[in-house]
Amino acid sequence: MDRPYLDNEFESVVHQLNQEIDRLAFALKLDLSNHAPLHQFLLQEIDHEHDHFHKRETLKDLITLRGKISIELTSSR
């Protein structure tokens, strides 16, 4: 089997990823539908001393991961 996940398992993982992104964005008061602040958030360096450093860093990483998954799915079709 060359696919590590069956389609429904993959959809479940992506759904969980989206839920975690939504949860972190809500906690950080970041509107994911507003592209300009989101773009700025993704580009800026995060101060390691910031109170929400781990949440901010995790959110950036998860959004990046979701983008990479989207690119892979698009190129595999």
N, C-alpha and C. Protein backbone atom coordinates (compact mmCIF):
# COMPACT_ATOMS: atom_id res chain seq x y z
N MET A 1 0.85 -1.18 0.00
CA MET A 1 0.00 0.00 0.00
C MET A 1 0.90 1.24 0.00
N ASP A 2 0.75 2.09 -0.98
CA ASP A 2 1.62 3.25 -1.08
C ASP A 2 1.04 4.51 -0.44
N ARG A 3 -0.20 4.44 0.03
CA ARG A 3 -0.80 5.57 0.75
C ARG A 3 -0.86 5.23 2.23
N PRO A 4 -0.23 6.07 3.08
CA PRO A 4 -0.22 5.75 4.51
C PRO A 4 -1.60 5.83 5.17
N TYR A 5 -2.51 6.59 4.57
CA TYR A 5 -3.85 6.72 5.13
C TYR A 5 -4.87 6.36 4.07
N LEU A 6 -5.91 5.71 4.50
CA LEU A 6 -7.06 5.54 3.62
C LEU A 6 -7.74 6.89 3.51
N ASP A 7 -8.53 7.09 2.48
CA ASP A 7 -9.15 8.39 2.25
C ASP A 7 -9.89 8.93 3.47
N ASN A 8 -10.69 8.11 4.13
CA ASN A 8 -11.47 8.61 5.27
C ASN A 8 -10.57 8.92 6.46
N GLU A 9 -9.47 8.18 6.63
CA GLU A 9 -8.52 8.49 7.69
C GLU A 9 -7.81 9.81 7.41
N PHE A 10 -7.44 10.01 6.15
CA PHE A 10 -6.79 11.25 5.76
C PHE A 10 -7.71 12.43 6.00
N GLU A 11 -8.96 12.30 5.61
CA GLU A 11 -9.93 13.37 5.83
C GLU A 11 -10.07 13.67 7.31
N SER A 12 -10.05 12.65 8.14
CA SER A 12 -10.15 12.83 9.59
C SER A 12 -8.94 13.59 10.13
N VAL A 13 -7.76 13.25 9.66
CA VAL A 13 -6.54 13.94 10.10
C VAL A 13 -6.57 15.40 9.67
N VAL A 14 -6.97 15.67 8.44
CA VAL A 14 -7.05 17.05 7.96
C VAL A 14 -8.11 17.82 8.75
N HIS A 15 -9.21 17.17 9.06
CA HIS A 15 -10.26 17.81 9.86
C HIS A 15 -9.72 18.18 11.25
N GLN A 16 -8.98 17.27 11.87
CA GLN A 16 -8.38 17.55 13.18
C GLN A 16 -7.37 18.70 13.08
N LEU A 17 -6.60 18.71 12.02
CA LEU A 17 -5.65 19.80 11.79
C LEU A 17 -6.39 21.14 11.69
N ASN A 18 -7.47 21.17 10.92
CA ASN A 18 -8.26 22.39 10.78
C ASN A 18 -8.86 22.83 12.12
N GLN A 19 -9.33 21.88 12.90
CA GLN A 19 -9.90 22.22 14.21
C GLN A 19 -8.85 22.84 15.12
N GLU A 20 -7.65 22.30 15.11
CA GLU A 20 -6.59 22.84 15.95
C GLU A 20 -6.17 24.23 15.48
N ILE A 21 -6.11 24.43 14.18
CA ILE A 21 -5.81 25.76 13.64
C ILE A 21 -6.88 26.76 14.08
N ASP A 22 -8.14 26.38 13.97
CA ASP A 22 -9.24 27.26 14.38
C ASP A 22 -9.16 27.57 15.88
N ARG A 23 -8.87 26.55 16.68
CA ARG A 23 -8.79 26.72 18.14
C ARG A 23 -7.68 27.70 18.51
N LEU A 24 -6.50 27.51 17.92
CA LEU A 24 -5.38 28.40 18.23
C LEU A 24 -5.62 29.82 17.72
N ALA A 25 -6.18 29.94 16.54
CA ALA A 25 -6.47 31.27 15.99
C ALA A 25 -7.47 32.00 16.88
N PHE A 26 -8.48 31.29 17.35
CA PHE A 26 -9.47 31.90 18.24
C PHE A 26 -8.79 32.36 19.54
N ALA A 27 -7.94 31.51 20.11
CA ALA A 27 -7.25 31.86 21.36
C ALA A 27 -6.35 33.07 21.19
N LEU A 28 -5.79 33.22 20.00
CA LEU A 28 -4.87 34.34 19.72
C LEU A 28 -5.58 35.53 19.09
N LYS A 29 -6.90 35.41 18.93
CA LYS A 29 -7.71 36.48 18.33
C LYS A 29 -7.22 36.85 16.94
N LEU A 30 -6.91 35.83 16.15
CA LEU A 30 -6.46 36.01 14.78
C LEU A 30 -7.58 35.57 13.84
N ASP A 31 -8.05 36.49 13.02
CA ASP A 31 -9.12 36.21 12.06
C ASP A 31 -8.50 35.55 10.82
N LEU A 32 -8.74 34.27 10.64
CA LEU A 32 -8.16 33.52 9.53
C LEU A 32 -8.73 33.94 8.18
N SER A 33 -9.88 34.61 8.18
CA SER A 33 -10.48 35.03 6.92
C SER A 33 -9.94 36.37 6.44
N ASN A 34 -9.22 37.08 7.30
CA ASN A 34 -8.64 38.38 6.95
C ASN A 34 -7.20 38.13 6.52
N HIS A 35 -6.97 38.12 5.22
CA HIS A 35 -5.70 37.66 4.67
C HIS A 35 -4.51 38.57 4.98
N ALA A 36 -4.70 39.86 5.04
CA ALA A 36 -3.57 40.76 5.29
C ALA A 36 -2.94 40.52 6.66
N PRO A 37 -3.72 40.54 7.75
CA PRO A 37 -3.13 40.26 9.06
C PRO A 37 -2.60 38.82 9.17
N LEU A 38 -3.27 37.89 8.53
CA LEU A 38 -2.80 36.50 8.54
C LEU A 38 -1.44 36.40 7.85
N HIS A 39 -1.31 37.05 6.71
CA HIS A 39 -0.04 37.05 5.98
C HIS A 39 1.06 37.67 6.84
N GLN A 40 0.76 38.78 7.48
CA GLN A 40 1.72 39.44 8.36
C GLN A 40 2.11 38.53 9.51
N PHE A 41 1.14 37.85 10.09
CA PHE A 41 1.39 36.92 11.19
C PHE A 41 2.36 35.82 10.76
N LEU A 42 2.15 35.29 9.56
CA LEU A 42 3.00 34.19 9.08
C LEU A 42 4.42 34.65 8.77
N LEU A 43 4.59 35.91 8.39
CA LEU A 43 5.92 36.41 8.01
C LEU A 43 6.75 36.89 9.20
N GLN A 44 6.10 37.34 10.24
CA GLN A 44 6.83 37.96 11.34
C GLN A 44 7.54 36.93 12.22
N GLU A 45 8.69 37.33 12.73
CA GLU A 45 9.40 36.52 13.71
C GLU A 45 8.64 36.63 15.03
N ILE A 46 8.56 35.54 15.75
CA ILE A 46 7.85 35.56 17.02
C ILE A 46 8.88 35.61 18.15
N ASP A 47 8.71 36.60 19.00
CA ASP A 47 9.58 36.77 20.15
C ASP A 47 9.42 35.58 21.09
N HIS A 48 10.53 34.94 21.41
CA HIS A 48 10.48 33.76 22.29
C HIS A 48 10.02 34.11 23.70
N GLU A 49 10.05 35.38 24.04
CA GLU A 49 9.61 35.81 25.37
C GLU A 49 8.12 36.15 25.40
N HIS A 50 7.47 36.14 24.24
CA HIS A 50 6.04 36.47 24.15
C HIS A 50 5.24 35.47 24.99
N ASP A 51 4.21 35.97 25.67
CA ASP A 51 3.38 35.12 26.53
C ASP A 51 2.80 33.92 25.79
N HIS A 52 2.45 34.11 24.54
CA HIS A 52 1.81 33.04 23.77
C HIS A 52 2.74 32.49 22.70
N PHE A 53 4.04 32.48 22.98
CA PHE A 53 5.01 32.03 21.99
C PHE A 53 4.66 30.65 21.44
N HIS A 54 4.40 29.69 22.31
CA HIS A 54 4.15 28.32 21.85
C HIS A 54 2.88 28.22 21.02
N LYS A 55 1.84 28.91 21.42
CA LYS A 55 0.60 28.90 20.63
C LYS A 55 0.84 29.53 19.27
N ARG A 56 1.54 30.66 19.25
CA ARG A 56 1.79 31.36 17.99
C ARG A 56 2.67 30.51 17.07
N GLU A 57 3.70 29.91 17.62
CA GLU A 57 4.61 29.10 16.81
C GLU A 57 3.89 27.85 16.29
N THR A 58 3.09 27.23 17.12
CA THR A 58 2.33 26.05 16.71
C THR A 58 1.35 26.41 15.60
N LEU A 59 0.65 27.54 15.76
CA LEU A 59 -0.30 27.96 14.74
C LEU A 59 0.40 28.20 13.41
N LYS A 60 1.52 28.88 13.43
CA LYS A 60 2.27 29.13 12.20
C LYS A 60 2.66 27.80 11.54
N ASP A 61 3.15 26.87 12.35
CA ASP A 61 3.57 25.58 11.81
C ASP A 61 2.39 24.79 11.22
N LEU A 62 1.25 24.82 11.89
CA LEU A 62 0.09 24.08 11.41
C LEU A 62 -0.47 24.69 10.12
N ILE A 63 -0.49 26.01 10.04
CA ILE A 63 -0.95 26.66 8.81
C ILE A 63 -0.01 26.33 7.66
N THR A 64 1.28 26.33 7.93
CA THR A 64 2.27 25.96 6.91
C THR A 64 2.08 24.52 6.47
N LEU A 65 1.86 23.62 7.43
CA LEU A 65 1.62 22.21 7.12
C LEU A 65 0.37 22.06 6.26
N ARG A 66 -0.69 22.76 6.61
CA ARG A 66 -1.93 22.68 5.84
C ARG A 66 -1.70 23.16 4.40
N GLY A 67 -0.91 24.20 4.25
CA GLY A 67 -0.58 24.69 2.91
C GLY A 67 0.20 23.66 2.11
N LYS A 68 1.15 23.00 2.74
CA LYS A 68 1.95 21.98 2.06
C LYS A 68 1.09 20.79 1.66
N ILE A 69 0.16 20.41 2.52
CA ILE A 69 -0.77 19.32 2.19
C ILE A 69 -1.62 19.70 1.01
N SER A 70 -2.11 20.93 0.98
CA SER A 70 -2.94 21.41 -0.11
C SER A 70 -2.16 21.39 -1.42
N ILE A 71 -0.91 21.82 -1.40
CA ILE A 71 -0.07 21.81 -2.59
C ILE A 71 0.14 20.37 -3.08
N GLU A 72 0.41 19.46 -2.16
CA GLU A 72 0.62 18.06 -2.52
C GLU A 72 -0.63 17.46 -3.16
N LEU A 73 -1.79 17.75 -2.55
CA LEU A 73 -3.04 17.21 -3.10
C LEU A 73 -3.31 17.77 -4.49
N THR A 74 -3.04 19.05 -4.68
CA THR A 74 -3.26 19.68 -5.98
C THR A 74 -2.34 19.09 -7.03
N SER A 75 -1.09 18.88 -6.69
CA SER A 75 -0.13 18.37 -7.67
C SER A 75 -0.30 16.88 -7.95
N SER A 76 -0.96 16.15 -7.05
CA SER A 76 -1.14 14.71 -7.25
C SER A 76 -2.39 14.38 -8.07
N ARG A 77 -3.18 15.37 -8.37
CA ARG A 77 -4.42 15.12 -9.13
C ARG A 77 -4.21 15.26 -10.59
